[in-house]
Amino acid sequence: MEKVIFKDSVPPIDFSRDLARIEFFDFKGMEDPVVSDFVADIEGSNDSIELHLVRTKSYKEALILTLPLSAHQDLFSQFLREEQKTFGGSKIFYLNKDSTKILVLSVKNEMMNKVNMVLTRINKVNEKIHRYNSLVRKDNLELYEVMHKNRANISKKDEIIHFIQQNLKT
């Protein structure tokens, strides 16, 4: 009998609330070693006005938020990249190379407004993750039902996975 593979659900994106993992500092330009891991994303497929603001150091404040590591980092990265741009092509936030940190740049005293925009986008990503998880749940249920209908050898593990899938609120 071939081994049946049930899909895992994906946890929502969240930021670390540990004060040691949040960095808030004066933005000194892309030459600053603190932002060096974000330079490729800042320069890559960004709107010319936004690039000008970054290069001329019009932004005065910077914030780095840390995302927890996940087995689904590629999916997180894909969803985040889809939501980081405005309609005009400016990026609201920047991702480091491995998509484990987000850089937010703002003019003086406007960081909370910019963070609000970022959180709105992260909430949209989490809605996508919720929809993705609903599809995973449906696919897993259909897979189990087909196995059960065909009287395939359903192992105790398969029954346990099915039970978890039906009863765990995610």
N, C-alpha and C. Protein backbone atom coordinates (compact mmCIF):
# COMPACT_ATOMS: atom_id res chain seq x y z
N MET A 1 0.84 -1.19 0.00
CA MET A 1 0.00 0.00 0.00
C MET A 1 0.88 1.25 0.00
N GLU A 2 0.52 2.23 -0.83
CA GLU A 2 1.30 3.46 -0.84
C GLU A 2 0.93 4.32 0.37
N LYS A 3 1.90 5.06 0.79
CA LYS A 3 1.73 5.90 1.97
C LYS A 3 0.95 7.16 1.59
N VAL A 4 -0.10 7.46 2.34
CA VAL A 4 -0.92 8.64 2.09
C VAL A 4 -0.31 9.82 2.82
N ILE A 5 -0.22 10.92 2.13
CA ILE A 5 0.37 12.12 2.72
C ILE A 5 -0.72 13.16 2.92
N PHE A 6 -0.99 13.47 4.18
CA PHE A 6 -1.90 14.56 4.50
C PHE A 6 -1.09 15.84 4.55
N LYS A 7 -1.70 16.94 4.14
CA LYS A 7 -1.01 18.23 4.14
C LYS A 7 -1.10 18.87 5.52
N ASP A 8 -0.06 19.63 5.87
CA ASP A 8 -0.05 20.40 7.11
C ASP A 8 -0.68 21.76 6.88
N SER A 9 -1.33 22.26 7.91
CA SER A 9 -1.82 23.64 7.83
C SER A 9 -0.65 24.58 8.12
N VAL A 10 -0.84 25.85 7.79
CA VAL A 10 0.20 26.86 7.93
C VAL A 10 -0.22 27.81 9.06
N PRO A 11 0.67 28.07 10.01
CA PRO A 11 0.31 29.02 11.07
C PRO A 11 0.25 30.44 10.51
N PRO A 12 -0.56 31.29 11.11
CA PRO A 12 -0.60 32.69 10.64
C PRO A 12 0.71 33.40 10.92
N ILE A 13 0.95 34.47 10.17
CA ILE A 13 2.15 35.27 10.38
C ILE A 13 1.95 36.14 11.62
N ASP A 14 2.97 36.18 12.42
CA ASP A 14 2.93 36.97 13.64
C ASP A 14 4.32 37.57 13.86
N PHE A 15 4.38 38.62 14.62
CA PHE A 15 5.66 39.22 14.95
C PHE A 15 6.05 38.86 16.37
N SER A 16 7.35 38.73 16.60
CA SER A 16 7.85 38.51 17.95
C SER A 16 7.58 39.76 18.78
N ARG A 17 7.08 39.55 19.96
CA ARG A 17 6.80 40.67 20.86
C ARG A 17 7.87 40.84 21.93
N ASP A 18 8.94 40.09 21.78
CA ASP A 18 10.08 40.20 22.67
C ASP A 18 10.80 41.51 22.34
N LEU A 19 10.93 42.38 23.32
CA LEU A 19 11.54 43.70 23.08
C LEU A 19 12.94 43.60 22.50
N ALA A 20 13.65 42.55 22.83
CA ALA A 20 15.01 42.37 22.31
C ALA A 20 15.00 42.05 20.81
N ARG A 21 13.87 41.64 20.27
CA ARG A 21 13.80 41.26 18.85
C ARG A 21 13.15 42.34 17.99
N ILE A 22 12.85 43.48 18.61
CA ILE A 22 12.31 44.63 17.88
C ILE A 22 13.37 45.72 17.90
N GLU A 23 13.69 46.23 16.72
CA GLU A 23 14.71 47.28 16.64
C GLU A 23 14.06 48.54 16.10
N PHE A 24 14.21 49.65 16.83
CA PHE A 24 13.73 50.96 16.41
C PHE A 24 14.91 51.90 16.47
N PHE A 25 15.23 52.56 15.34
CA PHE A 25 16.44 53.37 15.28
C PHE A 25 16.30 54.47 14.23
N ASP A 26 17.23 55.41 14.27
CA ASP A 26 17.28 56.47 13.26
C ASP A 26 17.82 55.88 11.97
N PHE A 27 17.15 56.14 10.87
CA PHE A 27 17.58 55.64 9.57
C PHE A 27 18.72 56.52 9.05
N LYS A 28 19.86 55.89 8.75
CA LYS A 28 21.05 56.62 8.30
C LYS A 28 21.40 56.30 6.85
N GLY A 29 20.53 55.60 6.17
CA GLY A 29 20.78 55.26 4.78
C GLY A 29 21.06 53.78 4.58
N MET A 30 21.15 53.40 3.33
CA MET A 30 21.35 51.99 3.01
C MET A 30 22.76 51.51 3.32
N GLU A 31 23.67 52.43 3.58
CA GLU A 31 25.04 52.05 3.93
C GLU A 31 25.13 51.54 5.37
N ASP A 32 24.12 51.83 6.17
CA ASP A 32 24.09 51.42 7.57
C ASP A 32 24.07 49.88 7.63
N PRO A 33 25.00 49.27 8.37
CA PRO A 33 25.04 47.80 8.46
C PRO A 33 23.75 47.18 9.00
N VAL A 34 22.99 47.93 9.77
CA VAL A 34 21.74 47.41 10.35
C VAL A 34 20.74 47.06 9.25
N VAL A 35 20.76 47.79 8.14
CA VAL A 35 19.79 47.55 7.06
C VAL A 35 20.41 46.83 5.85
N SER A 36 21.65 46.41 5.96
CA SER A 36 22.33 45.79 4.82
C SER A 36 21.61 44.55 4.29
N ASP A 37 20.95 43.82 5.16
CA ASP A 37 20.25 42.61 4.75
C ASP A 37 18.98 42.92 3.95
N PHE A 38 18.57 44.18 3.92
CA PHE A 38 17.34 44.59 3.23
C PHE A 38 17.59 45.31 1.91
N VAL A 39 18.85 45.64 1.63
CA VAL A 39 19.19 46.46 0.46
C VAL A 39 18.68 45.84 -0.84
N ALA A 40 18.82 44.56 -1.01
CA ALA A 40 18.37 43.91 -2.25
C ALA A 40 16.88 44.11 -2.45
N ASP A 41 16.09 44.02 -1.40
CA ASP A 41 14.65 44.21 -1.53
C ASP A 41 14.29 45.68 -1.72
N ILE A 42 15.05 46.57 -1.10
CA ILE A 42 14.79 48.01 -1.28
C ILE A 42 15.02 48.39 -2.73
N GLU A 43 16.10 47.92 -3.32
CA GLU A 43 16.44 48.29 -4.69
C GLU A 43 15.70 47.47 -5.75
N GLY A 44 15.22 46.30 -5.37
CA GLY A 44 14.56 45.42 -6.34
C GLY A 44 13.11 45.75 -6.57
N SER A 45 12.74 45.96 -7.81
CA SER A 45 11.37 46.25 -8.26
C SER A 45 10.62 47.20 -7.33
N ASN A 46 11.23 48.33 -7.10
CA ASN A 46 10.63 49.36 -6.27
C ASN A 46 10.34 50.58 -7.15
N ASP A 47 9.40 51.35 -6.76
CA ASP A 47 9.00 52.58 -7.46
C ASP A 47 10.13 53.61 -7.37
N SER A 48 10.34 54.40 -8.42
CA SER A 48 11.45 55.36 -8.47
C SER A 48 11.32 56.44 -7.39
N ILE A 49 10.12 56.86 -7.07
CA ILE A 49 9.93 57.87 -6.02
C ILE A 49 10.34 57.30 -4.67
N GLU A 50 9.94 56.07 -4.40
CA GLU A 50 10.30 55.43 -3.14
C GLU A 50 11.82 55.27 -3.04
N LEU A 51 12.45 54.86 -4.12
CA LEU A 51 13.90 54.72 -4.13
C LEU A 51 14.58 56.07 -3.86
N HIS A 52 14.05 57.11 -4.44
CA HIS A 52 14.60 58.45 -4.22
C HIS A 52 14.49 58.83 -2.74
N LEU A 53 13.34 58.56 -2.12
CA LEU A 53 13.15 58.86 -0.70
C LEU A 53 14.16 58.11 0.17
N VAL A 54 14.41 56.86 -0.17
CA VAL A 54 15.36 56.05 0.60
C VAL A 54 16.79 56.57 0.39
N ARG A 55 17.15 56.78 -0.86
CA ARG A 55 18.53 57.19 -1.18
C ARG A 55 18.88 58.59 -0.66
N THR A 56 17.90 59.47 -0.62
CA THR A 56 18.17 60.83 -0.12
C THR A 56 17.97 60.94 1.38
N LYS A 57 17.72 59.81 1.99
CA LYS A 57 17.55 59.73 3.46
C LYS A 57 16.41 60.61 3.95
N SER A 58 15.35 60.69 3.15
CA SER A 58 14.15 61.43 3.57
C SER A 58 13.45 60.71 4.73
N TYR A 59 13.59 59.40 4.73
CA TYR A 59 13.07 58.65 5.87
C TYR A 59 14.02 58.86 7.04
N LYS A 60 13.46 59.07 8.20
CA LYS A 60 14.28 59.36 9.38
C LYS A 60 14.21 58.26 10.43
N GLU A 61 13.15 57.45 10.41
CA GLU A 61 12.98 56.40 11.41
C GLU A 61 12.90 55.04 10.74
N ALA A 62 13.41 54.04 11.46
CA ALA A 62 13.37 52.68 10.93
C ALA A 62 12.97 51.72 12.05
N LEU A 63 12.27 50.69 11.64
CA LEU A 63 11.80 49.66 12.57
C LEU A 63 12.02 48.31 11.93
N ILE A 64 12.61 47.40 12.68
CA ILE A 64 12.76 46.03 12.20
C ILE A 64 11.95 45.12 13.12
N LEU A 65 11.02 44.39 12.52
CA LEU A 65 10.19 43.43 13.24
C LEU A 65 10.61 42.03 12.83
N THR A 66 10.63 41.12 13.78
CA THR A 66 11.09 39.75 13.53
C THR A 66 9.90 38.81 13.41
N LEU A 67 9.94 38.00 12.37
CA LEU A 67 8.95 36.95 12.18
C LEU A 67 9.49 35.64 12.74
N PRO A 68 8.64 34.83 13.35
CA PRO A 68 9.14 33.55 13.84
C PRO A 68 9.51 32.63 12.68
N LEU A 69 10.48 31.77 12.89
CA LEU A 69 10.86 30.80 11.87
C LEU A 69 9.72 29.82 11.66
N SER A 70 9.57 29.38 10.43
CA SER A 70 8.47 28.48 10.10
C SER A 70 8.95 27.46 9.08
N ALA A 71 8.29 26.33 9.09
CA ALA A 71 8.56 25.32 8.07
C ALA A 71 7.99 25.75 6.72
N HIS A 72 7.19 26.82 6.74
CA HIS A 72 6.53 27.31 5.53
C HIS A 72 7.06 28.68 5.12
N GLN A 73 8.35 28.90 5.30
CA GLN A 73 8.95 30.21 5.03
C GLN A 73 8.77 30.64 3.57
N ASP A 74 8.81 29.70 2.64
CA ASP A 74 8.63 30.04 1.23
C ASP A 74 7.23 30.57 0.96
N LEU A 75 6.23 29.94 1.57
CA LEU A 75 4.86 30.39 1.41
C LEU A 75 4.67 31.76 2.06
N PHE A 76 5.23 31.95 3.26
CA PHE A 76 5.19 33.25 3.92
C PHE A 76 5.80 34.31 3.02
N SER A 77 6.97 34.02 2.48
CA SER A 77 7.68 34.97 1.63
C SER A 77 6.84 35.34 0.41
N GLN A 78 6.24 34.35 -0.22
CA GLN A 78 5.40 34.59 -1.39
C GLN A 78 4.24 35.51 -1.03
N PHE A 79 3.52 35.19 0.04
CA PHE A 79 2.38 36.01 0.45
C PHE A 79 2.81 37.42 0.84
N LEU A 80 3.92 37.55 1.56
CA LEU A 80 4.39 38.86 1.99
C LEU A 80 4.79 39.72 0.79
N ARG A 81 5.48 39.12 -0.17
CA ARG A 81 5.92 39.88 -1.35
C ARG A 81 4.72 40.37 -2.17
N GLU A 82 3.64 39.60 -2.17
CA GLU A 82 2.43 40.02 -2.88
C GLU A 82 1.79 41.25 -2.23
N GLU A 83 1.99 41.41 -0.93
CA GLU A 83 1.31 42.47 -0.20
C GLU A 83 2.19 43.66 0.17
N GLN A 84 3.45 43.65 -0.19
CA GLN A 84 4.33 44.71 0.29
C GLN A 84 4.28 45.99 -0.56
N LYS A 85 3.64 45.95 -1.71
CA LYS A 85 3.62 47.11 -2.60
C LYS A 85 2.27 47.82 -2.59
N THR A 86 2.33 49.14 -2.83
CA THR A 86 1.11 49.92 -3.04
C THR A 86 0.72 49.78 -4.51
N PHE A 87 -0.39 50.36 -4.90
CA PHE A 87 -0.80 50.29 -6.31
C PHE A 87 0.19 51.01 -7.21
N GLY A 88 0.88 52.02 -6.68
CA GLY A 88 1.86 52.75 -7.47
C GLY A 88 3.20 52.06 -7.60
N GLY A 89 3.41 50.99 -6.86
CA GLY A 89 4.66 50.25 -6.94
C GLY A 89 5.63 50.53 -5.81
N SER A 90 5.29 51.47 -4.92
CA SER A 90 6.15 51.73 -3.75
C SER A 90 5.97 50.59 -2.75
N LYS A 91 7.04 50.24 -2.10
CA LYS A 91 6.96 49.18 -1.09
C LYS A 91 6.67 49.80 0.27
N ILE A 92 5.75 49.20 0.98
CA ILE A 92 5.37 49.67 2.31
C ILE A 92 6.39 49.17 3.35
N PHE A 93 6.91 47.99 3.10
CA PHE A 93 7.91 47.40 3.99
C PHE A 93 8.88 46.59 3.14
N TYR A 94 10.00 46.22 3.75
CA TYR A 94 11.04 45.48 3.05
C TYR A 94 11.33 44.19 3.80
N LEU A 95 11.68 43.17 3.04
CA LEU A 95 12.00 41.86 3.62
C LEU A 95 13.50 41.60 3.53
N ASN A 96 14.03 40.94 4.56
CA ASN A 96 15.44 40.55 4.47
C ASN A 96 15.55 39.33 3.55
N LYS A 97 16.76 38.86 3.34
CA LYS A 97 17.01 37.80 2.36
C LYS A 97 16.23 36.52 2.62
N ASP A 98 16.09 36.13 3.88
CA ASP A 98 15.39 34.88 4.18
C ASP A 98 13.96 35.09 4.68
N SER A 99 13.44 36.30 4.52
CA SER A 99 12.05 36.65 4.88
C SER A 99 11.72 36.34 6.34
N THR A 100 12.67 36.63 7.22
CA THR A 100 12.43 36.44 8.65
C THR A 100 12.31 37.77 9.39
N LYS A 101 12.56 38.87 8.66
CA LYS A 101 12.47 40.19 9.27
C LYS A 101 11.84 41.16 8.28
N ILE A 102 11.15 42.16 8.83
CA ILE A 102 10.53 43.21 8.04
C ILE A 102 11.11 44.54 8.47
N LEU A 103 11.50 45.35 7.50
CA LEU A 103 11.99 46.70 7.75
C LEU A 103 10.91 47.69 7.33
N VAL A 104 10.60 48.62 8.24
CA VAL A 104 9.63 49.67 7.97
C VAL A 104 10.37 51.00 8.10
N LEU A 105 10.26 51.83 7.07
CA LEU A 105 10.89 53.15 7.08
C LEU A 105 9.79 54.22 7.10
N SER A 106 10.03 55.30 7.85
CA SER A 106 9.04 56.37 7.88
C SER A 106 9.71 57.72 8.08
N VAL A 107 8.96 58.76 7.73
CA VAL A 107 9.42 60.10 8.04
C VAL A 107 9.26 60.31 9.55
N LYS A 108 9.84 61.37 10.06
CA LYS A 108 9.84 61.66 11.49
C LYS A 108 8.42 61.66 12.06
N ASN A 109 8.25 60.96 13.17
CA ASN A 109 7.00 60.92 13.94
C ASN A 109 5.81 60.31 13.20
N GLU A 110 6.05 59.53 12.18
CA GLU A 110 4.95 58.90 11.43
C GLU A 110 5.04 57.37 11.46
N MET A 111 5.86 56.82 12.33
CA MET A 111 6.05 55.37 12.35
C MET A 111 4.76 54.62 12.66
N MET A 112 3.95 55.12 13.58
CA MET A 112 2.72 54.39 13.94
C MET A 112 1.77 54.31 12.74
N ASN A 113 1.70 55.35 11.94
CA ASN A 113 0.86 55.30 10.74
C ASN A 113 1.38 54.26 9.75
N LYS A 114 2.68 54.21 9.60
CA LYS A 114 3.28 53.24 8.69
C LYS A 114 3.10 51.82 9.22
N VAL A 115 3.27 51.63 10.52
CA VAL A 115 3.06 50.30 11.13
C VAL A 115 1.61 49.87 10.95
N ASN A 116 0.69 50.81 11.05
CA ASN A 116 -0.72 50.50 10.83
C ASN A 116 -0.93 49.97 9.41
N MET A 117 -0.28 50.59 8.43
CA MET A 117 -0.36 50.11 7.05
C MET A 117 0.22 48.70 6.92
N VAL A 118 1.35 48.47 7.58
CA VAL A 118 1.97 47.14 7.54
C VAL A 118 1.05 46.10 8.16
N LEU A 119 0.47 46.41 9.31
CA LEU A 119 -0.43 45.46 9.97
C LEU A 119 -1.66 45.15 9.12
N THR A 120 -2.15 46.15 8.41
CA THR A 120 -3.28 45.92 7.50
C THR A 120 -2.88 44.89 6.44
N ARG A 121 -1.67 45.02 5.91
CA ARG A 121 -1.19 44.07 4.89
C ARG A 121 -0.95 42.68 5.49
N ILE A 122 -0.41 42.63 6.69
CA ILE A 122 -0.17 41.33 7.33
C ILE A 122 -1.50 40.65 7.62
N ASN A 123 -2.50 41.41 8.01
CA ASN A 123 -3.83 40.83 8.22
C ASN A 123 -4.39 40.26 6.92
N LYS A 124 -4.13 40.92 5.80
CA LYS A 124 -4.55 40.38 4.50
C LYS A 124 -3.82 39.07 4.21
N VAL A 125 -2.54 39.01 4.54
CA VAL A 125 -1.77 37.77 4.35
C VAL A 125 -2.36 36.67 5.22
N ASN A 126 -2.69 37.00 6.46
CA ASN A 126 -3.26 35.99 7.35
C ASN A 126 -4.63 35.50 6.87
N GLU A 127 -5.39 36.37 6.20
CA GLU A 127 -6.64 35.93 5.59
C GLU A 127 -6.37 34.93 4.47
N LYS A 128 -5.32 35.17 3.68
CA LYS A 128 -4.93 34.23 2.62
C LYS A 128 -4.51 32.90 3.24
N ILE A 129 -3.76 32.96 4.33
CA ILE A 129 -3.33 31.74 5.01
C ILE A 129 -4.54 30.98 5.54
N HIS A 130 -5.51 31.70 6.07
CA HIS A 130 -6.73 31.05 6.57
C HIS A 130 -7.45 30.34 5.42
N ARG A 131 -7.56 31.01 4.27
CA ARG A 131 -8.20 30.37 3.11
C ARG A 131 -7.40 29.15 2.65
N TYR A 132 -6.08 29.28 2.63
CA TYR A 132 -5.21 28.16 2.27
C TYR A 132 -5.44 26.99 3.22
N ASN A 133 -5.49 27.28 4.52
CA ASN A 133 -5.71 26.22 5.51
C ASN A 133 -7.08 25.57 5.36
N SER A 134 -8.08 26.35 4.95
CA SER A 134 -9.41 25.78 4.71
C SER A 134 -9.36 24.78 3.56
N LEU A 135 -8.60 25.13 2.51
CA LEU A 135 -8.44 24.20 1.38
C LEU A 135 -7.68 22.94 1.80
N VAL A 136 -6.64 23.12 2.61
CA VAL A 136 -5.87 21.96 3.10
C VAL A 136 -6.79 21.04 3.90
N ARG A 137 -7.57 21.63 4.76
CA ARG A 137 -8.50 20.85 5.60
C ARG A 137 -9.49 20.07 4.72
N LYS A 138 -10.04 20.77 3.71
CA LYS A 138 -10.98 20.13 2.79
C LYS A 138 -10.31 18.99 2.02
N ASP A 139 -9.11 19.24 1.50
CA ASP A 139 -8.37 18.21 0.75
C ASP A 139 -8.08 16.99 1.63
N ASN A 140 -7.66 17.25 2.86
CA ASN A 140 -7.37 16.14 3.77
C ASN A 140 -8.62 15.32 4.08
N LEU A 141 -9.73 16.00 4.27
CA LEU A 141 -10.99 15.32 4.54
C LEU A 141 -11.40 14.47 3.34
N GLU A 142 -11.29 15.03 2.14
CA GLU A 142 -11.62 14.29 0.92
C GLU A 142 -10.71 13.07 0.75
N LEU A 143 -9.44 13.25 1.03
CA LEU A 143 -8.49 12.15 0.92
C LEU A 143 -8.85 11.02 1.87
N TYR A 144 -9.19 11.37 3.10
CA TYR A 144 -9.57 10.36 4.09
C TYR A 144 -10.86 9.67 3.67
N GLU A 145 -11.82 10.44 3.16
CA GLU A 145 -13.10 9.84 2.75
C GLU A 145 -12.92 8.88 1.58
N VAL A 146 -12.06 9.22 0.64
CA VAL A 146 -11.78 8.32 -0.49
C VAL A 146 -11.13 7.04 0.01
N MET A 147 -10.18 7.20 0.94
CA MET A 147 -9.52 6.01 1.50
C MET A 147 -10.55 5.13 2.22
N HIS A 148 -11.41 5.75 2.97
CA HIS A 148 -12.40 5.01 3.75
C HIS A 148 -13.41 4.34 2.82
N LYS A 149 -13.85 5.06 1.79
CA LYS A 149 -14.82 4.54 0.83
C LYS A 149 -14.27 3.36 0.06
N ASN A 150 -13.02 3.42 -0.30
CA ASN A 150 -12.38 2.33 -1.06
C ASN A 150 -11.93 1.19 -0.15
N ARG A 151 -12.25 1.32 1.10
CA ARG A 151 -11.89 0.29 2.10
C ARG A 151 -10.38 0.04 2.13
N ALA A 152 -9.65 1.10 1.83
CA ALA A 152 -8.19 0.98 1.88
C ALA A 152 -7.79 0.75 3.32
N ASN A 153 -6.63 0.21 3.49
CA ASN A 153 -6.12 0.01 4.85
C ASN A 153 -5.90 1.36 5.50
N ILE A 154 -6.77 1.71 6.39
CA ILE A 154 -6.65 2.95 7.13
C ILE A 154 -5.96 2.63 8.44
N SER A 155 -4.80 3.19 8.59
CA SER A 155 -4.03 2.91 9.81
C SER A 155 -4.58 3.72 10.97
N LYS A 156 -4.16 3.35 12.13
CA LYS A 156 -4.56 4.08 13.34
C LYS A 156 -4.07 5.53 13.24
N LYS A 157 -2.89 5.71 12.67
CA LYS A 157 -2.35 7.06 12.50
C LYS A 157 -3.26 7.89 11.59
N ASP A 158 -3.75 7.28 10.49
CA ASP A 158 -4.66 7.99 9.59
C ASP A 158 -5.93 8.40 10.33
N GLU A 159 -6.44 7.52 11.16
CA GLU A 159 -7.64 7.83 11.95
C GLU A 159 -7.37 8.98 12.92
N ILE A 160 -6.20 8.97 13.52
CA ILE A 160 -5.84 10.03 14.47
C ILE A 160 -5.71 11.37 13.75
N ILE A 161 -5.05 11.36 12.58
CA ILE A 161 -4.92 12.59 11.79
C ILE A 161 -6.30 13.11 11.41
N HIS A 162 -7.17 12.22 10.98
CA HIS A 162 -8.53 12.61 10.61
C HIS A 162 -9.27 13.20 11.82
N PHE A 163 -9.12 12.59 12.95
CA PHE A 163 -9.77 13.09 14.18
C PHE A 163 -9.25 14.49 14.53
N ILE A 164 -7.95 14.67 14.43
CA ILE A 164 -7.36 15.99 14.71
C ILE A 164 -7.89 17.01 13.71
N GLN A 165 -7.92 16.60 12.44
CA GLN A 165 -8.38 17.50 11.38
C GLN A 165 -9.83 17.95 11.64
N GLN A 166 -10.67 17.05 12.13
CA GLN A 166 -12.06 17.39 12.39
C GLN A 166 -12.27 18.24 13.63
N ASN A 167 -11.42 18.06 14.63
CA ASN A 167 -11.73 18.64 15.93
C ASN A 167 -10.83 19.78 16.40
N LEU A 168 -9.68 19.94 15.80
CA LEU A 168 -8.78 21.01 16.24
C LEU A 168 -9.15 22.30 15.54
N LYS A 169 -9.35 23.34 16.31
CA LYS A 169 -9.67 24.67 15.76
C LYS A 169 -8.38 25.38 15.40
N THR A 170 -8.18 25.62 14.10
CA THR A 170 -6.98 26.34 13.66
C THR A 170 -7.36 27.55 12.86
